Amino acid sequence: MTATIIDGKTVAEAIRNEVKAEVAQLRAKGLVPGLATVIVGKRPDSVSYVTSKRQTCQELGIESIGQELPETISQEELLAVVRQLGEDPKVHGILVQLPLPKHINEEVILNAVPIDKDVDGFHPVNVGKLGMKGRQPLFAPCTPSGVVELLDRVGAQISGSRAWCWGAATSWACRRRCCSWAAMRL
């Protein structure tokens, strides 16, 4: 088997240009896509990730709605923020950055994100559909989706291939869900 080097930067640039054009078309019709990012605390890795998402939104013409909350926020206060974003018609997607502080139940917070705004694919219905053959979640986990998109765009033969998930996900369950979704596509 011969290894092939994939130019991910070129593919990513093409995807960004396509998305930017789609966003421009939506804006021309009066619809401004909005992504809310919720970060609790100041973990450097989380801040870096969320900052990157916000910068990408700005580059693409997507409205970025940032919620930077103190690590001491109560679960009830965070739940209120997530519910408010869920009801906001200007917000089309919500990303709650994980991990959350230990005093906050992540499941409670993630379940409060409306399924149609759950861009991480963590809503129980999305997770359930992800694990069922023949069902498509409304949102699939972004990392395996991105890998499959990259392989599709470079014309890689992935049908019948074996996949190996490698990297740090927020939890074993998340890695399992992501790998299962990618494997179902192969």
N, C-alpha and C. Protein backbone atom coordinates (compact mmCIF):
# COMPACT_ATOMS: atom_id res chain seq x y z
N MET A 1 0.85 -1.18 0.00
CA MET A 1 0.00 0.00 0.00
C MET A 1 0.89 1.24 0.00
N THR A 2 0.60 2.18 -0.88
CA THR A 2 1.37 3.40 -1.00
C THR A 2 0.70 4.52 -0.23
N ALA A 3 1.49 5.24 0.53
CA ALA A 3 0.96 6.38 1.29
C ALA A 3 0.78 7.58 0.37
N THR A 4 -0.24 8.36 0.66
CA THR A 4 -0.51 9.58 -0.10
C THR A 4 -0.56 10.75 0.85
N ILE A 5 0.13 11.80 0.51
CA ILE A 5 0.10 13.01 1.33
C ILE A 5 -1.09 13.85 0.86
N ILE A 6 -1.93 14.21 1.81
CA ILE A 6 -3.12 15.01 1.50
C ILE A 6 -2.85 16.46 1.92
N ASP A 7 -3.11 17.39 1.01
CA ASP A 7 -2.93 18.81 1.32
C ASP A 7 -4.20 19.34 1.97
N GLY A 8 -4.29 19.16 3.27
CA GLY A 8 -5.48 19.57 4.02
C GLY A 8 -5.73 21.06 3.99
N LYS A 9 -4.66 21.86 3.93
CA LYS A 9 -4.83 23.32 3.92
C LYS A 9 -5.54 23.79 2.65
N THR A 10 -5.21 23.19 1.54
CA THR A 10 -5.86 23.57 0.28
C THR A 10 -7.34 23.18 0.31
N VAL A 11 -7.63 21.98 0.80
CA VAL A 11 -9.02 21.53 0.90
C VAL A 11 -9.78 22.43 1.87
N ALA A 12 -9.18 22.75 3.01
CA ALA A 12 -9.84 23.61 3.99
C ALA A 12 -10.13 24.98 3.39
N GLU A 13 -9.22 25.52 2.63
CA GLU A 13 -9.43 26.83 2.01
C GLU A 13 -10.59 26.78 1.02
N ALA A 14 -10.68 25.70 0.25
CA ALA A 14 -11.79 25.55 -0.70
C ALA A 14 -13.12 25.48 0.05
N ILE A 15 -13.15 24.74 1.15
CA ILE A 15 -14.38 24.63 1.93
C ILE A 15 -14.75 25.99 2.51
N ARG A 16 -13.77 26.70 3.05
CA ARG A 16 -14.06 28.04 3.61
C ARG A 16 -14.62 28.97 2.54
N ASN A 17 -14.06 28.93 1.33
CA ASN A 17 -14.57 29.78 0.25
C ASN A 17 -16.01 29.42 -0.11
N GLU A 18 -16.31 28.12 -0.14
CA GLU A 18 -17.68 27.68 -0.43
C GLU A 18 -18.66 28.16 0.65
N VAL A 19 -18.26 27.99 1.90
CA VAL A 19 -19.12 28.41 3.01
C VAL A 19 -19.30 29.93 3.00
N LYS A 20 -18.23 30.65 2.74
CA LYS A 20 -18.31 32.11 2.69
C LYS A 20 -19.30 32.56 1.60
N ALA A 21 -19.28 31.89 0.47
CA ALA A 21 -20.21 32.22 -0.62
C ALA A 21 -21.65 31.90 -0.21
N GLU A 22 -21.85 30.76 0.45
CA GLU A 22 -23.20 30.39 0.92
C GLU A 22 -23.71 31.39 1.95
N VAL A 23 -22.83 31.81 2.84
CA VAL A 23 -23.22 32.79 3.86
C VAL A 23 -23.58 34.12 3.19
N ALA A 24 -22.82 34.52 2.19
CA ALA A 24 -23.12 35.77 1.46
C ALA A 24 -24.50 35.69 0.81
N GLN A 25 -24.85 34.52 0.26
CA GLN A 25 -26.18 34.35 -0.34
C GLN A 25 -27.28 34.46 0.71
N LEU A 26 -27.05 33.86 1.87
CA LEU A 26 -28.03 33.96 2.96
C LEU A 26 -28.18 35.41 3.42
N ARG A 27 -27.06 36.10 3.57
CA ARG A 27 -27.09 37.49 4.01
C ARG A 27 -27.84 38.37 3.00
N ALA A 28 -27.67 38.06 1.72
CA ALA A 28 -28.37 38.82 0.67
C ALA A 28 -29.88 38.66 0.78
N LYS A 29 -30.31 37.55 1.38
CA LYS A 29 -31.73 37.30 1.59
C LYS A 29 -32.20 37.79 2.97
N GLY A 30 -31.28 38.42 3.71
CA GLY A 30 -31.65 38.95 5.02
C GLY A 30 -31.47 37.99 6.18
N LEU A 31 -30.86 36.84 5.93
CA LEU A 31 -30.63 35.87 7.00
C LEU A 31 -29.14 35.84 7.34
N VAL A 32 -28.84 36.19 8.59
CA VAL A 32 -27.46 36.20 9.05
C VAL A 32 -27.26 34.99 9.97
N PRO A 33 -26.50 33.98 9.53
CA PRO A 33 -26.27 32.82 10.39
C PRO A 33 -25.55 33.24 11.67
N GLY A 34 -25.95 32.65 12.79
CA GLY A 34 -25.34 32.99 14.07
C GLY A 34 -24.91 31.76 14.84
N LEU A 35 -23.68 31.79 15.34
CA LEU A 35 -23.15 30.71 16.16
C LEU A 35 -22.83 31.26 17.55
N ALA A 36 -23.44 30.66 18.56
CA ALA A 36 -23.15 31.05 19.95
C ALA A 36 -22.10 30.09 20.50
N THR A 37 -21.08 30.66 21.11
CA THR A 37 -20.07 29.85 21.79
C THR A 37 -20.13 30.19 23.27
N VAL A 38 -20.18 29.14 24.09
CA VAL A 38 -20.27 29.31 25.54
C VAL A 38 -19.02 28.69 26.14
N ILE A 39 -18.26 29.51 26.85
CA ILE A 39 -17.06 29.01 27.50
C ILE A 39 -17.13 29.37 28.98
N VAL A 40 -16.84 28.40 29.83
CA VAL A 40 -16.88 28.60 31.27
C VAL A 40 -15.45 28.46 31.79
N GLY A 41 -14.92 29.52 32.35
CA GLY A 41 -13.55 29.49 32.85
C GLY A 41 -12.57 29.95 31.79
N LYS A 42 -11.29 29.78 32.09
CA LYS A 42 -10.24 30.28 31.21
C LYS A 42 -9.17 29.24 30.91
N ARG A 43 -9.58 27.99 30.71
CA ARG A 43 -8.60 26.96 30.31
C ARG A 43 -7.96 27.38 29.01
N PRO A 44 -6.64 27.45 28.95
CA PRO A 44 -5.97 27.92 27.73
C PRO A 44 -6.36 27.15 26.46
N ASP A 45 -6.50 25.82 26.55
CA ASP A 45 -6.86 25.07 25.36
C ASP A 45 -8.28 25.39 24.91
N SER A 46 -9.19 25.56 25.86
CA SER A 46 -10.57 25.90 25.51
C SER A 46 -10.67 27.31 24.95
N VAL A 47 -9.94 28.25 25.55
CA VAL A 47 -9.95 29.63 25.06
C VAL A 47 -9.41 29.68 23.63
N SER A 48 -8.34 28.94 23.38
CA SER A 48 -7.76 28.91 22.04
C SER A 48 -8.75 28.35 21.01
N TYR A 49 -9.42 27.27 21.35
CA TYR A 49 -10.37 26.64 20.44
C TYR A 49 -11.54 27.57 20.14
N VAL A 50 -12.11 28.16 21.20
CA VAL A 50 -13.27 29.04 21.01
C VAL A 50 -12.86 30.30 20.25
N THR A 51 -11.69 30.84 20.55
CA THR A 51 -11.19 32.01 19.82
C THR A 51 -11.07 31.69 18.33
N SER A 52 -10.58 30.51 18.01
CA SER A 52 -10.46 30.09 16.62
C SER A 52 -11.83 30.02 15.94
N LYS A 53 -12.83 29.49 16.64
CA LYS A 53 -14.19 29.40 16.08
C LYS A 53 -14.74 30.80 15.81
N ARG A 54 -14.50 31.70 16.77
CA ARG A 54 -15.01 33.07 16.61
C ARG A 54 -14.34 33.79 15.45
N GLN A 55 -13.04 33.58 15.29
CA GLN A 55 -12.32 34.21 14.18
C GLN A 55 -12.80 33.65 12.84
N THR A 56 -13.03 32.36 12.79
CA THR A 56 -13.54 31.75 11.57
C THR A 56 -14.92 32.29 11.22
N CYS A 57 -15.77 32.44 12.23
CA CYS A 57 -17.09 33.03 11.99
C CYS A 57 -16.94 34.40 11.35
N GLN A 58 -16.07 35.22 11.91
CA GLN A 58 -15.88 36.58 11.40
C GLN A 58 -15.40 36.54 9.95
N GLU A 59 -14.46 35.67 9.65
CA GLU A 59 -13.93 35.55 8.28
C GLU A 59 -15.01 35.13 7.29
N LEU A 60 -15.95 34.31 7.74
CA LEU A 60 -16.97 33.76 6.84
C LEU A 60 -18.25 34.58 6.78
N GLY A 61 -18.36 35.57 7.65
CA GLY A 61 -19.56 36.40 7.67
C GLY A 61 -20.65 35.87 8.58
N ILE A 62 -20.30 34.93 9.45
CA ILE A 62 -21.25 34.36 10.41
C ILE A 62 -21.19 35.19 11.68
N GLU A 63 -22.35 35.52 12.22
CA GLU A 63 -22.41 36.28 13.47
C GLU A 63 -21.94 35.38 14.61
N SER A 64 -20.98 35.88 15.38
CA SER A 64 -20.47 35.13 16.52
C SER A 64 -21.01 35.75 17.80
N ILE A 65 -21.72 34.94 18.57
CA ILE A 65 -22.31 35.40 19.83
C ILE A 65 -21.56 34.70 20.94
N GLY A 66 -20.68 35.43 21.61
CA GLY A 66 -19.83 34.83 22.62
C GLY A 66 -20.36 35.01 24.03
N GLN A 67 -20.29 33.96 24.79
CA GLN A 67 -20.64 33.98 26.21
C GLN A 67 -19.42 33.48 26.98
N GLU A 68 -18.71 34.39 27.62
CA GLU A 68 -17.55 34.04 28.43
C GLU A 68 -17.96 34.16 29.89
N LEU A 69 -18.02 33.00 30.55
CA LEU A 69 -18.58 32.94 31.89
C LEU A 69 -17.52 32.52 32.90
N PRO A 70 -17.64 33.00 34.13
CA PRO A 70 -16.65 32.64 35.15
C PRO A 70 -16.76 31.17 35.56
N GLU A 71 -15.65 30.60 35.97
CA GLU A 71 -15.63 29.21 36.39
C GLU A 71 -16.52 28.96 37.60
N THR A 72 -16.83 30.01 38.32
CA THR A 72 -17.66 29.89 39.52
C THR A 72 -19.16 29.95 39.24
N ILE A 73 -19.55 30.08 37.98
CA ILE A 73 -20.98 30.16 37.65
C ILE A 73 -21.68 28.91 38.17
N SER A 74 -22.90 29.07 38.62
CA SER A 74 -23.66 27.91 39.09
C SER A 74 -24.26 27.18 37.89
N GLN A 75 -24.63 25.94 38.11
CA GLN A 75 -25.25 25.15 37.06
C GLN A 75 -26.56 25.80 36.61
N GLU A 76 -27.32 26.33 37.55
CA GLU A 76 -28.60 26.96 37.23
C GLU A 76 -28.39 28.22 36.37
N GLU A 77 -27.35 28.99 36.69
CA GLU A 77 -27.06 30.20 35.90
C GLU A 77 -26.63 29.82 34.49
N LEU A 78 -25.78 28.81 34.36
CA LEU A 78 -25.34 28.36 33.04
C LEU A 78 -26.52 27.80 32.24
N LEU A 79 -27.36 27.05 32.90
CA LEU A 79 -28.55 26.51 32.26
C LEU A 79 -29.42 27.65 31.71
N ALA A 80 -29.55 28.72 32.46
CA ALA A 80 -30.34 29.87 32.01
C ALA A 80 -29.72 30.50 30.76
N VAL A 81 -28.40 30.60 30.71
CA VAL A 81 -27.71 31.16 29.55
C VAL A 81 -27.97 30.29 28.32
N VAL A 82 -27.80 28.97 28.48
CA VAL A 82 -28.01 28.05 27.36
C VAL A 82 -29.46 28.11 26.87
N ARG A 83 -30.39 28.15 27.79
CA ARG A 83 -31.81 28.22 27.39
C ARG A 83 -32.11 29.53 26.67
N GLN A 84 -31.53 30.64 27.14
CA GLN A 84 -31.74 31.93 26.48
C GLN A 84 -31.21 31.88 25.05
N LEU A 85 -30.02 31.31 24.86
CA LEU A 85 -29.47 31.18 23.51
C LEU A 85 -30.34 30.27 22.65
N GLY A 86 -30.89 29.23 23.25
CA GLY A 86 -31.77 28.32 22.52
C GLY A 86 -33.03 29.00 22.02
N GLU A 87 -33.49 29.99 22.74
CA GLU A 87 -34.71 30.71 22.36
C GLU A 87 -34.43 31.90 21.45
N ASP A 88 -33.18 32.30 21.30
CA ASP A 88 -32.81 33.47 20.51
C ASP A 88 -32.87 33.15 19.02
N PRO A 89 -33.74 33.82 18.25
CA PRO A 89 -33.86 33.51 16.82
C PRO A 89 -32.61 33.90 16.01
N LYS A 90 -31.73 34.71 16.58
CA LYS A 90 -30.49 35.08 15.88
C LYS A 90 -29.41 34.02 16.03
N VAL A 91 -29.64 33.07 16.93
CA VAL A 91 -28.68 31.99 17.17
C VAL A 91 -29.16 30.75 16.43
N HIS A 92 -28.34 30.26 15.50
CA HIS A 92 -28.69 29.08 14.72
C HIS A 92 -27.91 27.85 15.16
N GLY A 93 -26.86 28.06 15.93
CA GLY A 93 -26.07 26.96 16.44
C GLY A 93 -25.46 27.34 17.77
N ILE A 94 -25.34 26.35 18.66
CA ILE A 94 -24.76 26.59 19.98
C ILE A 94 -23.64 25.57 20.21
N LEU A 95 -22.50 26.10 20.62
CA LEU A 95 -21.36 25.26 20.97
C LEU A 95 -21.04 25.53 22.43
N VAL A 96 -21.23 24.56 23.29
CA VAL A 96 -20.84 24.67 24.70
C VAL A 96 -19.48 24.00 24.82
N GLN A 97 -18.46 24.78 25.12
CA GLN A 97 -17.11 24.25 25.18
C GLN A 97 -16.93 23.35 26.39
N LEU A 98 -16.45 22.15 26.14
CA LEU A 98 -16.16 21.18 27.19
C LEU A 98 -14.66 21.10 27.41
N PRO A 99 -14.22 20.71 28.58
CA PRO A 99 -15.02 20.29 29.73
C PRO A 99 -15.55 21.49 30.51
N LEU A 100 -16.62 21.24 31.23
CA LEU A 100 -17.16 22.23 32.15
C LEU A 100 -16.56 21.96 33.53
N PRO A 101 -16.60 22.97 34.42
CA PRO A 101 -16.09 22.75 35.77
C PRO A 101 -16.78 21.57 36.45
N LYS A 102 -16.09 20.95 37.39
CA LYS A 102 -16.58 19.73 38.05
C LYS A 102 -17.92 19.90 38.75
N HIS A 103 -18.26 21.11 39.19
CA HIS A 103 -19.52 21.30 39.92
C HIS A 103 -20.73 21.42 38.99
N ILE A 104 -20.49 21.33 37.68
CA ILE A 104 -21.57 21.43 36.70
C ILE A 104 -21.73 20.09 35.99
N ASN A 105 -22.97 19.61 35.91
CA ASN A 105 -23.28 18.36 35.25
C ASN A 105 -23.37 18.63 33.74
N GLU A 106 -22.37 18.15 33.00
CA GLU A 106 -22.33 18.39 31.55
C GLU A 106 -23.56 17.86 30.84
N GLU A 107 -24.05 16.71 31.28
CA GLU A 107 -25.22 16.11 30.63
C GLU A 107 -26.44 17.04 30.73
N VAL A 108 -26.64 17.64 31.90
CA VAL A 108 -27.77 18.55 32.08
C VAL A 108 -27.65 19.74 31.13
N ILE A 109 -26.45 20.29 31.05
CA ILE A 109 -26.24 21.48 30.19
C ILE A 109 -26.39 21.10 28.72
N LEU A 110 -25.75 20.03 28.29
CA LEU A 110 -25.83 19.65 26.88
C LEU A 110 -27.24 19.25 26.46
N ASN A 111 -27.99 18.65 27.37
CA ASN A 111 -29.37 18.29 27.04
C ASN A 111 -30.27 19.52 26.91
N ALA A 112 -29.83 20.66 27.44
CA ALA A 112 -30.61 21.89 27.33
C ALA A 112 -30.44 22.58 25.98
N VAL A 113 -29.43 22.16 25.22
CA VAL A 113 -29.21 22.74 23.89
C VAL A 113 -30.27 22.15 22.95
N PRO A 114 -31.08 22.98 22.31
CA PRO A 114 -32.10 22.45 21.40
C PRO A 114 -31.45 21.61 20.29
N ILE A 115 -32.08 20.51 19.94
CA ILE A 115 -31.51 19.60 18.96
C ILE A 115 -31.17 20.29 17.64
N ASP A 116 -31.98 21.25 17.24
CA ASP A 116 -31.74 21.93 15.96
C ASP A 116 -30.65 22.99 16.04
N LYS A 117 -30.08 23.18 17.23
CA LYS A 117 -28.97 24.13 17.40
C LYS A 117 -27.73 23.45 17.97
N ASP A 118 -27.77 22.14 18.05
CA ASP A 118 -26.72 21.33 18.67
C ASP A 118 -25.61 21.02 17.66
N VAL A 119 -24.76 22.00 17.37
CA VAL A 119 -23.75 21.83 16.33
C VAL A 119 -22.67 20.81 16.69
N ASP A 120 -22.53 20.46 17.96
CA ASP A 120 -21.57 19.43 18.35
C ASP A 120 -22.12 18.01 18.19
N GLY A 121 -23.43 17.88 18.05
CA GLY A 121 -24.04 16.57 17.91
C GLY A 121 -24.11 15.80 19.22
N PHE A 122 -24.16 16.51 20.36
CA PHE A 122 -24.19 15.87 21.67
C PHE A 122 -25.60 15.63 22.22
N HIS A 123 -26.63 16.17 21.57
CA HIS A 123 -28.00 15.95 22.05
C HIS A 123 -28.29 14.45 22.03
N PRO A 124 -29.01 13.94 23.03
CA PRO A 124 -29.27 12.49 23.07
C PRO A 124 -29.90 11.93 21.80
N VAL A 125 -30.74 12.69 21.14
CA VAL A 125 -31.35 12.20 19.89
C VAL A 125 -30.28 12.07 18.80
N ASN A 126 -29.40 13.07 18.71
CA ASN A 126 -28.31 12.99 17.73
C ASN A 126 -27.40 11.80 18.03
N VAL A 127 -27.06 11.62 19.30
CA VAL A 127 -26.20 10.51 19.69
C VAL A 127 -26.88 9.18 19.40
N GLY A 128 -28.17 9.10 19.70
CA GLY A 128 -28.91 7.86 19.43
C GLY A 128 -28.96 7.53 17.96
N LYS A 129 -29.26 8.51 17.13
CA LYS A 129 -29.31 8.27 15.69
C LYS A 129 -27.93 7.91 15.14
N LEU A 130 -26.91 8.48 15.75
CA LEU A 130 -25.54 8.20 15.33
C LEU A 130 -25.21 6.73 15.47
N GLY A 131 -25.73 6.11 16.51
CA GLY A 131 -25.43 4.70 16.77
C GLY A 131 -26.35 3.72 16.10
N MET A 132 -27.34 4.21 15.36
CA MET A 132 -28.31 3.31 14.73
C MET A 132 -28.07 3.25 13.22
N LYS A 133 -27.99 2.07 12.72
CA LYS A 133 -27.77 1.89 11.28
C LYS A 133 -28.92 2.49 10.49
N GLY A 134 -28.59 3.24 9.46
CA GLY A 134 -29.60 3.81 8.58
C GLY A 134 -30.21 5.10 9.07
N ARG A 135 -29.79 5.61 10.21
CA ARG A 135 -30.33 6.86 10.74
C ARG A 135 -29.27 7.95 10.63
N GLN A 136 -29.68 9.14 10.31
CA GLN A 136 -28.76 10.25 10.21
C GLN A 136 -29.05 11.25 11.32
N PRO A 137 -28.04 11.57 12.13
CA PRO A 137 -28.24 12.60 13.14
C PRO A 137 -28.40 13.96 12.47
N LEU A 138 -29.07 14.90 13.13
CA LEU A 138 -29.19 16.25 12.59
C LEU A 138 -27.81 16.87 12.46
N PHE A 139 -26.99 16.64 13.48
CA PHE A 139 -25.59 17.08 13.46
C PHE A 139 -24.73 15.90 13.86
N ALA A 140 -23.69 15.65 13.09
CA ALA A 140 -22.73 14.60 13.43
C ALA A 140 -21.48 15.26 14.01
N PRO A 141 -20.72 14.54 14.81
CA PRO A 141 -19.51 15.11 15.39
C PRO A 141 -18.58 15.67 14.31
N CYS A 142 -18.04 16.85 14.59
CA CYS A 142 -17.30 17.57 13.54
C CYS A 142 -15.99 16.92 13.13
N THR A 143 -15.26 16.31 14.05
CA THR A 143 -13.96 15.75 13.67
C THR A 143 -14.10 14.60 12.68
N PRO A 144 -14.89 13.57 12.96
CA PRO A 144 -15.00 12.51 11.95
C PRO A 144 -15.69 13.00 10.67
N SER A 145 -16.62 13.94 10.81
CA SER A 145 -17.26 14.49 9.61
C SER A 145 -16.22 15.18 8.74
N GLY A 146 -15.33 15.93 9.37
CA GLY A 146 -14.27 16.62 8.64
C GLY A 146 -13.31 15.66 7.96
N VAL A 147 -12.97 14.59 8.65
CA VAL A 147 -12.07 13.59 8.08
C VAL A 147 -12.70 12.95 6.85
N VAL A 148 -13.96 12.55 6.97
CA VAL A 148 -14.65 11.92 5.84
C VAL A 148 -14.77 12.92 4.68
N GLU A 149 -15.09 14.18 4.99
CA GLU A 149 -15.18 15.21 3.94
C GLU A 149 -13.84 15.38 3.23
N LEU A 150 -12.77 15.43 4.00
CA LEU A 150 -11.43 15.56 3.42
C LEU A 150 -11.12 14.38 2.50
N LEU A 151 -11.39 13.17 2.97
CA LEU A 151 -11.12 11.99 2.15
C LEU A 151 -11.99 11.96 0.89
N ASP A 152 -13.26 12.35 1.02
CA ASP A 152 -14.14 12.42 -0.15
C ASP A 152 -13.60 13.42 -1.17
N ARG A 153 -13.17 14.58 -0.70
CA ARG A 153 -12.73 15.64 -1.62
C ARG A 153 -11.44 15.31 -2.34
N VAL A 154 -10.59 14.49 -1.75
CA VAL A 154 -9.36 14.12 -2.44
C VAL A 154 -9.52 12.83 -3.23
N GLY A 155 -10.75 12.28 -3.22
CA GLY A 155 -11.02 11.10 -4.01
C GLY A 155 -10.47 9.81 -3.42
N ALA A 156 -10.24 9.81 -2.12
CA ALA A 156 -9.73 8.59 -1.48
C ALA A 156 -10.78 7.51 -1.50
N GLN A 157 -10.35 6.28 -1.73
CA GLN A 157 -11.25 5.13 -1.70
C GLN A 157 -11.40 4.72 -0.24
N ILE A 158 -12.56 5.06 0.36
CA ILE A 158 -12.73 4.75 1.77
C ILE A 158 -13.67 3.57 2.00
N SER A 159 -14.44 3.20 1.00
CA SER A 159 -15.34 2.08 1.17
C SER A 159 -14.54 0.80 1.40
N GLY A 160 -14.85 0.12 2.49
CA GLY A 160 -14.15 -1.10 2.82
C GLY A 160 -12.84 -0.90 3.56
N SER A 161 -12.47 0.35 3.76
CA SER A 161 -11.22 0.65 4.46
C SER A 161 -11.40 0.48 5.96
N ARG A 162 -10.29 0.42 6.65
CA ARG A 162 -10.32 0.37 8.11
C ARG A 162 -9.98 1.75 8.63
N ALA A 163 -10.64 2.11 9.72
CA ALA A 163 -10.40 3.43 10.32
C ALA A 163 -9.80 3.26 11.70
N TRP A 164 -8.96 4.19 12.07
CA TRP A 164 -8.37 4.20 13.40
C TRP A 164 -8.58 5.59 13.97
N CYS A 165 -9.22 5.69 15.13
CA CYS A 165 -9.44 6.96 15.79
C CYS A 165 -8.29 7.21 16.74
N TRP A 166 -7.68 8.37 16.59
CA TRP A 166 -6.52 8.69 17.40
C TRP A 166 -6.64 10.15 17.81
N GLY A 167 -6.42 10.44 19.06
CA GLY A 167 -6.47 11.82 19.51
C GLY A 167 -7.20 11.92 20.82
N ALA A 168 -7.27 13.13 21.33
CA ALA A 168 -7.89 13.36 22.64
C ALA A 168 -9.27 13.95 22.43
N ALA A 169 -10.29 13.17 22.75
CA ALA A 169 -11.65 13.69 22.75
C ALA A 169 -12.03 13.96 24.19
N THR A 170 -13.16 14.57 24.40
CA THR A 170 -13.55 14.96 25.76
C THR A 170 -13.83 13.76 26.64
N SER A 171 -14.15 12.64 26.07
CA SER A 171 -14.44 11.47 26.89
C SER A 171 -14.36 10.23 26.02
N TRP A 172 -14.28 9.08 26.67
CA TRP A 172 -14.29 7.83 25.94
C TRP A 172 -15.58 7.69 25.13
N ALA A 173 -16.69 8.09 25.73
CA ALA A 173 -17.97 7.98 25.03
C ALA A 173 -17.97 8.83 23.77
N CYS A 174 -17.39 10.01 23.85
CA CYS A 174 -17.32 10.88 22.67
C CYS A 174 -16.45 10.24 21.60
N ARG A 175 -15.29 9.70 21.99
CA ARG A 175 -14.42 9.06 21.01
C ARG A 175 -15.15 7.88 20.36
N ARG A 176 -15.88 7.13 21.17
CA ARG A 176 -16.61 5.97 20.66
C ARG A 176 -17.68 6.42 19.66
N ARG A 177 -18.44 7.47 20.00
CA ARG A 177 -19.48 7.97 19.09
C ARG A 177 -18.85 8.46 17.80
N CYS A 178 -17.77 9.23 17.91
CA CYS A 178 -17.13 9.79 16.72
C CYS A 178 -16.59 8.68 15.83
N CYS A 179 -15.92 7.70 16.43
CA CYS A 179 -15.37 6.61 15.65
C CYS A 179 -16.46 5.77 15.03
N SER A 180 -17.54 5.55 15.77
CA SER A 180 -18.65 4.77 15.23
C SER A 180 -19.24 5.45 14.01
N TRP A 181 -19.40 6.77 14.08
CA TRP A 181 -19.97 7.49 12.95
C TRP A 181 -19.05 7.40 11.73
N ALA A 182 -17.76 7.62 11.96
CA ALA A 182 -16.82 7.55 10.83
C ALA A 182 -16.80 6.16 10.24
N ALA A 183 -16.81 5.14 11.09
CA ALA A 183 -16.77 3.76 10.62
C ALA A 183 -18.03 3.43 9.80
N MET A 184 -19.18 3.97 10.21
CA MET A 184 -20.42 3.71 9.46
C MET A 184 -20.32 4.28 8.05
N ARG A 185 -19.55 5.36 7.89
CA ARG A 185 -19.40 5.97 6.57
C ARG A 185 -18.45 5.19 5.67
N LEU A 186 -17.57 4.37 6.28
CA LEU A 186 -16.55 3.66 5.48
C LEU A 186 -17.11 2.45 4.77
